[in-house]
């Protein structure tokens, strides 16, 4: 463990032993994303272990973290050994029942989930559906290497309307659902992906708070409480409206004044 508050970039670039493989642009982004949680007793799941080095990076950065779970389908990952007892490795397909149950048995609520698994479009989508509910309110879900979702060899493609990238782009509209809720239901809007039912309850309930797209990373934050009224009330301050007069009444929180 580190005690001098090293950054993720410093830990990653200075580590020895087990290899950790991250793109350069990820490191400063992770520093800004995770800095508020650095001293918290967080629980983290990383789907995709590979050589196991990134689990050591997370456990070093989050010195007060509670548990760091890695899940990988490769049996060789079961041979990885760590000095830090907080690191747990599960050998399983994360989207199979045995994988879900094994992870839940260690920790049923997580602060951070990082999907660095197969990068196949349907696996990415399945992992999000399965593990976003594991996040605590306010938790962070990260999908790495999303450039693969543009590639047909990974089951994606730029024009693939059934691919994971298309799904997450569509998920943006859930954030503003309060403004179009009268036009159609969320189930209907996403019926392309769930033609036989099984629409995720957490989307319907309003647990998706925000989505950020970066080069090869998608970050989805979980709401503190489930709701679709995310804009809130209009808050006016000051005493003089010299350009446009206000009556103090607003229409539908859309910024349209009632004259």
C-alpha atoms as a PDB file:
ATOM      1  CA  UNK A   1       0.000   0.000   0.000  1.00  0.00           C
ATOM      2  CA  UNK A   2       1.084   3.576  -0.577  1.00  0.00           C
ATOM      3  CA  UNK A   3       0.903   6.256   2.067  1.00  0.00           C
ATOM      4  CA  UNK A   4       2.013   9.325   0.105  1.00  0.00           C
ATOM      5  CA  UNK A   5      -1.089   9.727  -2.035  1.00  0.00           C
ATOM      6  CA  UNK A   6       0.446   8.712  -5.326  1.00  0.00           C
ATOM      7  CA  UNK A   7      -1.659   9.159  -8.427  1.00  0.00           C
ATOM      8  CA  UNK A   8      -2.899   6.224 -10.465  1.00  0.00           C
ATOM      9  CA  UNK A   9      -0.551   7.291 -13.225  1.00  0.00           C
ATOM     10  CA  UNK A  10       2.425   7.246 -10.853  1.00  0.00           C
ATOM     11  CA  UNK A  11       1.500   3.852  -9.437  1.00  0.00           C
ATOM     12  CA  UNK A  12       0.890   2.319 -12.863  1.00  0.00           C
ATOM     13  CA  UNK A  13       4.063   3.647 -14.476  1.00  0.00           C
ATOM     14  CA  UNK A  14       6.210   2.797 -11.463  1.00  0.00           C
ATOM     15  CA  UNK A  15       4.894  -0.674 -10.685  1.00  0.00           C
ATOM     16  CA  UNK A  16       6.883  -3.867 -10.970  1.00  0.00           C
ATOM     17  CA  UNK A  17       5.769  -7.484 -10.894  1.00  0.00           C
ATOM     18  CA  UNK A  18       2.420  -8.313 -12.468  1.00  0.00           C
ATOM     19  CA  UNK A  19       1.790  -6.435 -15.710  1.00  0.00           C
ATOM     20  CA  UNK A  20      -0.941  -3.782 -15.805  1.00  0.00           C
ATOM     21  CA  UNK A  21      -2.012  -2.728 -19.314  1.00  0.00           C
ATOM     22  CA  UNK A  22      -3.773   0.639 -19.719  1.00  0.00           C
ATOM     23  CA  UNK A  23      -3.844   3.258 -22.486  1.00  0.00           C
ATOM     24  CA  UNK A  24      -2.007   6.474 -21.599  1.00  0.00           C
ATOM     25  CA  UNK A  25      -5.127   8.666 -21.745  1.00  0.00           C
ATOM     26  CA  UNK A  26      -6.900   6.485 -19.158  1.00  0.00           C
ATOM     27  CA  UNK A  27      -4.459   7.267 -16.352  1.00  0.00           C
ATOM     28  CA  UNK A  28      -5.051  11.019 -15.808  1.00  0.00           C
ATOM     29  CA  UNK A  29      -8.757  10.476 -16.409  1.00  0.00           C
ATOM     30  CA  UNK A  30      -8.899   7.843 -13.690  1.00  0.00           C
ATOM     31  CA  UNK A  31      -7.008  10.162 -11.362  1.00  0.00           C
ATOM     32  CA  UNK A  32      -9.681  12.849 -11.734  1.00  0.00           C
ATOM     33  CA  UNK A  33     -12.558  10.353 -11.718  1.00  0.00           C
ATOM     34  CA  UNK A  34     -11.516   8.411  -8.615  1.00  0.00           C
ATOM     35  CA  UNK A  35      -9.767  11.124  -6.586  1.00  0.00           C
ATOM     36  CA  UNK A  36     -12.877  11.838  -4.415  1.00  0.00           C
ATOM     37  CA  UNK A  37     -12.936   8.147  -3.424  1.00  0.00           C
ATOM     38  CA  UNK A  38      -9.219   7.636  -2.812  1.00  0.00           C
ATOM     39  CA  UNK A  39      -9.511   7.588   0.991  1.00  0.00           C
ATOM     40  CA  UNK A  40     -12.868   5.797   1.108  1.00  0.00           C
ATOM     41  CA  UNK A  41     -13.398   2.119   2.055  1.00  0.00           C
ATOM     42  CA  UNK A  42     -14.487   1.313  -1.477  1.00  0.00           C
ATOM     43  CA  UNK A  43     -15.354  -2.017  -3.057  1.00  0.00           C
ATOM     44  CA  UNK A  44     -14.280  -2.498  -6.670  1.00  0.00           C
ATOM     45  CA  UNK A  45     -14.988  -5.111  -9.332  1.00  0.00           C
ATOM     46  CA  UNK A  46     -12.843  -5.418 -12.445  1.00  0.00           C
ATOM     47  CA  UNK A  47     -14.179  -7.706 -15.158  1.00  0.00           C
ATOM     48  CA  UNK A  48     -11.122  -8.972 -16.996  1.00  0.00           C
ATOM     49  CA  UNK A  49      -7.980  -9.777 -15.005  1.00  0.00           C
ATOM     50  CA  UNK A  50      -5.418 -10.753 -17.671  1.00  0.00           C
ATOM     51  CA  UNK A  51      -1.991 -10.631 -15.940  1.00  0.00           C
ATOM     52  CA  UNK A  52      -3.465  -9.240 -12.739  1.00  0.00           C
ATOM     53  CA  UNK A  53      -1.433  -6.055 -12.416  1.00  0.00           C
ATOM     54  CA  UNK A  54      -4.315  -3.595 -12.519  1.00  0.00           C
ATOM     55  CA  UNK A  55      -5.802  -5.102  -9.351  1.00  0.00           C
ATOM     56  CA  UNK A  56      -2.548  -4.193  -7.616  1.00  0.00           C
ATOM     57  CA  UNK A  57      -2.797  -0.667  -8.987  1.00  0.00           C
ATOM     58  CA  UNK A  58      -6.322  -0.250  -7.608  1.00  0.00           C
ATOM     59  CA  UNK A  59      -5.438  -1.717  -4.219  1.00  0.00           C
ATOM     60  CA  UNK A  60      -2.413   0.572  -3.974  1.00  0.00           C
ATOM     61  CA  UNK A  61      -4.327   3.692  -4.963  1.00  0.00           C
ATOM     62  CA  UNK A  62      -7.320   2.973  -2.725  1.00  0.00           C
ATOM     63  CA  UNK A  63      -5.211   2.264   0.361  1.00  0.00           C
ATOM     64  CA  UNK A  64      -8.308   2.152   2.574  1.00  0.00           C
ATOM     65  CA  UNK A  65     -10.379   0.129   0.132  1.00  0.00           C
ATOM     66  CA  UNK A  66     -12.284  -2.868   1.451  1.00  0.00           C
ATOM     67  CA  UNK A  67     -12.130  -5.373  -1.377  1.00  0.00           C
ATOM     68  CA  UNK A  68     -10.893  -5.614  -4.990  1.00  0.00           C
ATOM     69  CA  UNK A  69     -12.523  -8.383  -7.018  1.00  0.00           C
ATOM     70  CA  UNK A  70     -11.219  -9.546 -10.359  1.00  0.00           C
ATOM     71  CA  UNK A  71     -13.219 -11.888 -12.586  1.00  0.00           C
ATOM     72  CA  UNK A  72     -11.811 -13.607 -15.660  1.00  0.00           C
ATOM     73  CA  UNK A  73     -12.735 -16.620 -17.760  1.00  0.00           C
ATOM     74  CA  UNK A  74      -9.099 -17.718 -18.191  1.00  0.00           C
ATOM     75  CA  UNK A  75      -8.260 -20.580 -15.776  1.00  0.00           C
ATOM     76  CA  UNK A  76      -4.664 -19.303 -15.535  1.00  0.00           C
ATOM     77  CA  UNK A  77      -5.956 -16.300 -13.587  1.00  0.00           C
ATOM     78  CA  UNK A  78      -6.789 -18.684 -10.763  1.00  0.00           C
ATOM     79  CA  UNK A  79      -3.048 -19.212 -10.254  1.00  0.00           C
ATOM     80  CA  UNK A  80      -2.391 -15.525  -9.549  1.00  0.00           C
ATOM     81  CA  UNK A  81      -1.264 -14.867  -5.997  1.00  0.00           C
ATOM     82  CA  UNK A  82      -1.338 -11.569  -4.138  1.00  0.00           C
ATOM     83  CA  UNK A  83       0.210 -10.367  -0.908  1.00  0.00           C
ATOM     84  CA  UNK A  84      -2.774  -8.075  -0.370  1.00  0.00           C
ATOM     85  CA  UNK A  85      -5.597 -10.172   1.126  1.00  0.00           C
ATOM     86  CA  UNK A  86      -8.152  -7.649  -0.090  1.00  0.00           C
ATOM     87  CA  UNK A  87      -7.637  -8.820  -3.680  1.00  0.00           C
ATOM     88  CA  UNK A  88      -9.914 -11.697  -4.714  1.00  0.00           C
ATOM     89  CA  UNK A  89      -9.863 -13.415  -8.113  1.00  0.00           C
ATOM     90  CA  UNK A  90     -12.799 -15.388  -9.487  1.00  0.00           C
ATOM     91  CA  UNK A  91     -12.368 -17.659 -12.506  1.00  0.00           C
ATOM     92  CA  UNK A  92     -15.693 -17.611 -14.308  1.00  0.00           C
ATOM     93  CA  UNK A  93     -17.681 -15.981 -17.062  1.00  0.00           C
ATOM     94  CA  UNK A  94     -18.911 -12.851 -15.297  1.00  0.00           C
ATOM     95  CA  UNK A  95     -22.260 -13.088 -17.080  1.00  0.00           C
ATOM     96  CA  UNK A  96     -22.960 -16.692 -16.157  1.00  0.00           C
ATOM     97  CA  UNK A  97     -24.931 -17.439 -12.996  1.00  0.00           C
ATOM     98  CA  UNK A  98     -21.951 -18.993 -11.219  1.00  0.00           C
ATOM     99  CA  UNK A  99     -19.903 -15.853 -11.841  1.00  0.00           C
ATOM    100  CA  UNK A 100     -22.665 -13.553 -10.641  1.00  0.00           C
ATOM    101  CA  UNK A 101     -23.197 -15.627  -7.521  1.00  0.00           C
ATOM    102  CA  UNK A 102     -19.478 -15.855  -6.732  1.00  0.00           C
ATOM    103  CA  UNK A 103     -19.049 -12.091  -6.979  1.00  0.00           C
ATOM    104  CA  UNK A 104     -22.179 -11.407  -4.966  1.00  0.00           C
ATOM    105  CA  UNK A 105     -20.971 -13.798  -2.276  1.00  0.00           C
ATOM    106  CA  UNK A 106     -17.895 -11.611  -1.801  1.00  0.00           C
ATOM    107  CA  UNK A 107     -19.637  -8.249  -2.092  1.00  0.00           C
ATOM    108  CA  UNK A 108     -23.184  -7.537  -3.168  1.00  0.00           C
ATOM    109  CA  UNK A 109     -22.768  -3.741  -3.297  1.00  0.00           C
ATOM    110  CA  UNK A 110     -19.911  -2.054  -5.110  1.00  0.00           C
ATOM    111  CA  UNK A 111     -18.627   1.486  -5.468  1.00  0.00           C
ATOM    112  CA  UNK A 112     -16.841   0.952  -8.780  1.00  0.00           C
ATOM    113  CA  UNK A 113     -17.245  -1.550 -11.625  1.00  0.00           C
ATOM    114  CA  UNK A 114     -14.700  -1.572 -14.453  1.00  0.00           C
ATOM    115  CA  UNK A 115     -15.483  -3.688 -17.505  1.00  0.00           C
ATOM    116  CA  UNK A 116     -12.180  -4.651 -19.128  1.00  0.00           C
ATOM    117  CA  UNK A 117     -13.409  -8.064 -20.204  1.00  0.00           C
ATOM    118  CA  UNK A 118     -13.933  -9.590 -23.637  1.00  0.00           C
ATOM    119  CA  UNK A 119     -14.845  -6.229 -25.253  1.00  0.00           C
ATOM    120  CA  UNK A 120     -17.392  -8.084 -27.339  1.00  0.00           C
ATOM    121  CA  UNK A 121     -20.432  -5.923 -27.882  1.00  0.00           C
ATOM    122  CA  UNK A 122     -23.022  -8.276 -26.394  1.00  0.00           C
ATOM    123  CA  UNK A 123     -20.793  -9.134 -23.429  1.00  0.00           C
ATOM    124  CA  UNK A 124     -20.342  -5.430 -22.699  1.00  0.00           C
ATOM    125  CA  UNK A 125     -24.089  -4.917 -22.802  1.00  0.00           C
ATOM    126  CA  UNK A 126     -24.794  -8.014 -20.691  1.00  0.00           C
ATOM    127  CA  UNK A 127     -22.238  -6.981 -18.063  1.00  0.00           C
ATOM    128  CA  UNK A 128     -23.802  -3.542 -17.785  1.00  0.00           C
ATOM    129  CA  UNK A 129     -27.294  -5.010 -17.364  1.00  0.00           C
ATOM    130  CA  UNK A 130     -26.037  -7.506 -14.785  1.00  0.00           C
ATOM    131  CA  UNK A 131     -23.654  -5.395 -12.719  1.00  0.00           C
ATOM    132  CA  UNK A 132     -24.947  -1.820 -12.785  1.00  0.00           C
ATOM    133  CA  UNK A 133     -27.541  -2.891 -10.161  1.00  0.00           C
ATOM    134  CA  UNK A 134     -24.619  -4.011  -7.928  1.00  0.00           C
ATOM    135  CA  UNK A 135     -23.476  -0.394  -7.653  1.00  0.00           C
ATOM    136  CA  UNK A 136     -24.264   1.582  -4.547  1.00  0.00           C
ATOM    137  CA  UNK A 137     -26.180   4.837  -5.088  1.00  0.00           C
ATOM    138  CA  UNK A 138     -23.696   7.299  -6.525  1.00  0.00           C
ATOM    139  CA  UNK A 139     -21.462   4.479  -7.806  1.00  0.00           C
ATOM    140  CA  UNK A 140     -19.390   4.546 -10.995  1.00  0.00           C
ATOM    141  CA  UNK A 141     -19.506   2.084 -13.899  1.00  0.00           C
ATOM    142  CA  UNK A 142     -16.627   2.240 -16.407  1.00  0.00           C
ATOM    143  CA  UNK A 143     -16.332   0.439 -19.738  1.00  0.00           C
ATOM    144  CA  UNK A 144     -12.805   0.340 -21.128  1.00  0.00           C
ATOM    145  CA  UNK A 145     -11.556  -0.078 -24.692  1.00  0.00           C
ATOM    146  CA  UNK A 146     -14.838   0.909 -26.279  1.00  0.00           C
ATOM    147  CA  UNK A 147     -13.037   1.482 -29.585  1.00  0.00           C
ATOM    148  CA  UNK A 148     -13.568  -2.261 -30.048  1.00  0.00           C
ATOM    149  CA  UNK A 149     -17.301  -1.640 -30.240  1.00  0.00           C
ATOM    150  CA  UNK A 150     -16.747  -0.076 -33.654  1.00  0.00           C
ATOM    151  CA  UNK A 151     -15.242  -3.325 -34.926  1.00  0.00           C
ATOM    152  CA  UNK A 152     -17.301  -6.124 -36.429  1.00  0.00           C
ATOM    153  CA  UNK A 153     -14.816  -8.741 -35.204  1.00  0.00           C
ATOM    154  CA  UNK A 154     -16.007  -7.833 -31.680  1.00  0.00           C
ATOM    155  CA  UNK A 155     -19.664  -8.023 -32.690  1.00  0.00           C
ATOM    156  CA  UNK A 156     -19.959  -4.271 -33.081  1.00  0.00           C
ATOM    157  CA  UNK A 157     -19.700  -1.928 -36.036  1.00  0.00           C
ATOM    158  CA  UNK A 158     -20.433   1.738 -36.678  1.00  0.00           C
ATOM    159  CA  UNK A 159     -23.767   0.986 -38.368  1.00  0.00           C
ATOM    160  CA  UNK A 160     -24.759  -1.850 -36.042  1.00  0.00           C
ATOM    161  CA  UNK A 161     -27.979  -0.637 -34.415  1.00  0.00           C
ATOM    162  CA  UNK A 162     -27.974  -3.678 -32.112  1.00  0.00           C
ATOM    163  CA  UNK A 163     -24.449  -3.058 -30.844  1.00  0.00           C
ATOM    164  CA  UNK A 164     -23.481  -1.855 -27.396  1.00  0.00           C
ATOM    165  CA  UNK A 165     -22.328   1.557 -28.601  1.00  0.00           C
ATOM    166  CA  UNK A 166     -25.733   2.221 -30.150  1.00  0.00           C
ATOM    167  CA  UNK A 167     -27.357   1.151 -26.880  1.00  0.00           C
ATOM    168  CA  UNK A 168     -25.311   3.526 -24.745  1.00  0.00           C
ATOM    169  CA  UNK A 169     -25.888   6.389 -27.139  1.00  0.00           C
ATOM    170  CA  UNK A 170     -29.593   5.718 -26.781  1.00  0.00           C
ATOM    171  CA  UNK A 171     -29.239   5.579 -23.010  1.00  0.00           C
ATOM    172  CA  UNK A 172     -28.416   9.295 -23.125  1.00  0.00           C
ATOM    173  CA  UNK A 173     -32.106   9.983 -23.725  1.00  0.00           C
ATOM    174  CA  UNK A 174     -33.001   8.302 -20.432  1.00  0.00           C
ATOM    175  CA  UNK A 175     -31.312  11.172 -18.603  1.00  0.00           C
ATOM    176  CA  UNK A 176     -33.791  13.617 -20.138  1.00  0.00           C
ATOM    177  CA  UNK A 177     -36.787  11.280 -19.956  1.00  0.00           C
ATOM    178  CA  UNK A 178     -38.831  13.809 -17.968  1.00  0.00           C
ATOM    179  CA  UNK A 179     -39.110  15.906 -21.133  1.00  0.00           C
ATOM    180  CA  UNK A 180     -40.419  13.207 -23.467  1.00  0.00           C
ATOM    181  CA  UNK A 181     -42.129  10.747 -21.130  1.00  0.00           C
ATOM    182  CA  UNK A 182     -45.527  11.531 -22.654  1.00  0.00           C
ATOM    183  CA  UNK A 183     -44.449  10.452 -26.121  1.00  0.00           C
ATOM    184  CA  UNK A 184     -43.597   6.797 -25.454  1.00  0.00           C
ATOM    185  CA  UNK A 185     -42.481   4.451 -22.704  1.00  0.00           C
ATOM    186  CA  UNK A 186     -38.891   3.508 -21.997  1.00  0.00           C
ATOM    187  CA  UNK A 187     -39.741  -0.126 -22.723  1.00  0.00           C
ATOM    188  CA  UNK A 188     -40.940   0.845 -26.198  1.00  0.00           C
ATOM    189  CA  UNK A 189     -37.961   3.084 -26.812  1.00  0.00           C
ATOM    190  CA  UNK A 190     -35.562   0.218 -26.050  1.00  0.00           C
ATOM    191  CA  UNK A 191     -37.591  -2.607 -27.578  1.00  0.00           C
ATOM    192  CA  UNK A 192     -34.882  -3.194 -30.199  1.00  0.00           C
ATOM    193  CA  UNK A 193     -32.640  -4.559 -27.453  1.00  0.00           C
ATOM    194  CA  UNK A 194     -35.302  -6.341 -25.407  1.00  0.00           C
ATOM    195  CA  UNK A 195     -37.813  -7.678 -27.966  1.00  0.00           C
ATOM    196  CA  UNK A 196     -38.922 -10.491 -25.670  1.00  0.00           C
ATOM    197  CA  UNK A 197     -39.297  -8.386 -22.546  1.00  0.00           C
ATOM    198  CA  UNK A 198     -36.970  -8.268 -19.600  1.00  0.00           C
ATOM    199  CA  UNK A 199     -36.394  -4.526 -19.795  1.00  0.00           C
ATOM    200  CA  UNK A 200     -33.985  -3.610 -16.949  1.00  0.00           C
ATOM    201  CA  UNK A 201     -35.838  -2.283 -13.923  1.00  0.00           C
ATOM    202  CA  UNK A 202     -32.996   0.064 -12.988  1.00  0.00           C
ATOM    203  CA  UNK A 203     -33.424   2.003 -16.241  1.00  0.00           C
ATOM    204  CA  UNK A 204     -37.169   2.204 -15.782  1.00  0.00           C
ATOM    205  CA  UNK A 205     -36.754   3.391 -12.193  1.00  0.00           C
ATOM    206  CA  UNK A 206     -34.352   6.207 -13.095  1.00  0.00           C
ATOM    207  CA  UNK A 207     -31.064   4.980 -11.607  1.00  0.00           C
ATOM    208  CA  UNK A 208     -28.956   6.224 -14.539  1.00  0.00           C
ATOM    209  CA  UNK A 209     -27.712   9.661 -13.538  1.00  0.00           C
ATOM    210  CA  UNK A 210     -25.183  10.560 -16.238  1.00  0.00           C
ATOM    211  CA  UNK A 211     -23.130   9.184 -19.114  1.00  0.00           C
ATOM    212  CA  UNK A 212     -19.742  10.423 -20.301  1.00  0.00           C
ATOM    213  CA  UNK A 213     -18.154   9.352 -23.576  1.00  0.00           C
ATOM    214  CA  UNK A 214     -14.395   9.666 -24.008  1.00  0.00           C
ATOM    215  CA  UNK A 215     -12.014   8.117 -26.505  1.00  0.00           C
ATOM    216  CA  UNK A 216     -12.341   4.388 -25.713  1.00  0.00           C
ATOM    217  CA  UNK A 217     -14.072   4.868 -22.327  1.00  0.00           C
ATOM    218  CA  UNK A 218     -17.721   5.156 -21.350  1.00  0.00           C
ATOM    219  CA  UNK A 219     -18.537   6.167 -17.777  1.00  0.00           C
ATOM    220  CA  UNK A 220     -22.032   5.790 -16.326  1.00  0.00           C
ATOM    221  CA  UNK A 221     -22.863   7.161 -12.882  1.00  0.00           C
ATOM    222  CA  UNK A 222     -25.633   5.822 -10.702  1.00  0.00           C
ATOM    223  CA  UNK A 223     -28.107   8.232  -9.155  1.00  0.00           C
ATOM    224  CA  UNK A 224     -28.189   8.828  -5.428  1.00  0.00           C
ATOM    225  CA  UNK A 225     -31.900   8.049  -5.554  1.00  0.00           C
ATOM    226  CA  UNK A 226     -34.033   6.669  -8.397  1.00  0.00           C
ATOM    227  CA  UNK A 227     -36.058   9.294 -10.250  1.00  0.00           C
ATOM    228  CA  UNK A 228     -36.578  10.784 -13.690  1.00  0.00           C
ATOM    229  CA  UNK A 229     -37.006  14.381 -12.512  1.00  0.00           C
ATOM    230  CA  UNK A 230     -33.327  15.205 -12.617  1.00  0.00           C
ATOM    231  CA  UNK A 231     -33.445  18.865 -13.619  1.00  0.00           C
ATOM    232  CA  UNK A 232     -35.004  19.983 -10.350  1.00  0.00           C
ATOM    233  CA  UNK A 233     -36.680  23.294  -9.589  1.00  0.00           C
ATOM    234  CA  UNK A 234     -35.752  26.555 -11.258  1.00  0.00           C
ATOM    235  CA  UNK A 235     -33.693  28.616  -8.803  1.00  0.00           C
ATOM    236  CA  UNK A 236     -33.781  32.378  -9.311  1.00  0.00           C
ATOM    237  CA  UNK A 237     -31.583  34.792  -7.370  1.00  0.00           C
ATOM    238  CA  UNK A 238     -31.270  38.557  -7.333  1.00  0.00           C
ATOM    239  CA  UNK A 239     -33.703  41.484  -7.071  1.00  0.00           C
ATOM    240  CA  UNK A 240     -33.757  43.168 -10.472  1.00  0.00           C
ATOM    241  CA  UNK A 241     -34.867  41.807 -13.869  1.00  0.00           C
ATOM    242  CA  UNK A 242     -34.069  44.783 -16.076  1.00  0.00           C
ATOM    243  CA  UNK A 243     -34.082  42.923 -19.411  1.00  0.00           C
ATOM    244  CA  UNK A 244     -36.896  40.424 -19.062  1.00  0.00           C
ATOM    245  CA  UNK A 245     -39.625  40.589 -16.454  1.00  0.00           C
ATOM    246  CA  UNK A 246     -40.615  37.485 -14.529  1.00  0.00           C
ATOM    247  CA  UNK A 247     -43.826  36.666 -12.746  1.00  0.00           C
ATOM    248  CA  UNK A 248     -42.200  34.050 -10.545  1.00  0.00           C
ATOM    249  CA  UNK A 249     -43.957  31.196 -12.385  1.00  0.00           C
ATOM    250  CA  UNK A 250     -42.254  28.876 -14.809  1.00  0.00           C
ATOM    251  CA  UNK A 251     -43.616  26.259 -17.173  1.00  0.00           C
ATOM    252  CA  UNK A 252     -42.527  22.653 -16.780  1.00  0.00           C
ATOM    253  CA  UNK A 253     -38.976  23.544 -15.650  1.00  0.00           C
ATOM    254  CA  UNK A 254     -38.079  24.174 -19.284  1.00  0.00           C
ATOM    255  CA  UNK A 255     -37.014  27.763 -18.753  1.00  0.00           C
ATOM    256  CA  UNK A 256     -40.085  29.135 -20.524  1.00  0.00           C
ATOM    257  CA  UNK A 257     -41.443  32.059 -18.513  1.00  0.00           C
ATOM    258  CA  UNK A 258     -45.183  32.498 -18.060  1.00  0.00           C
ATOM    259  CA  UNK A 259     -45.811  36.157 -18.870  1.00  0.00           C
END
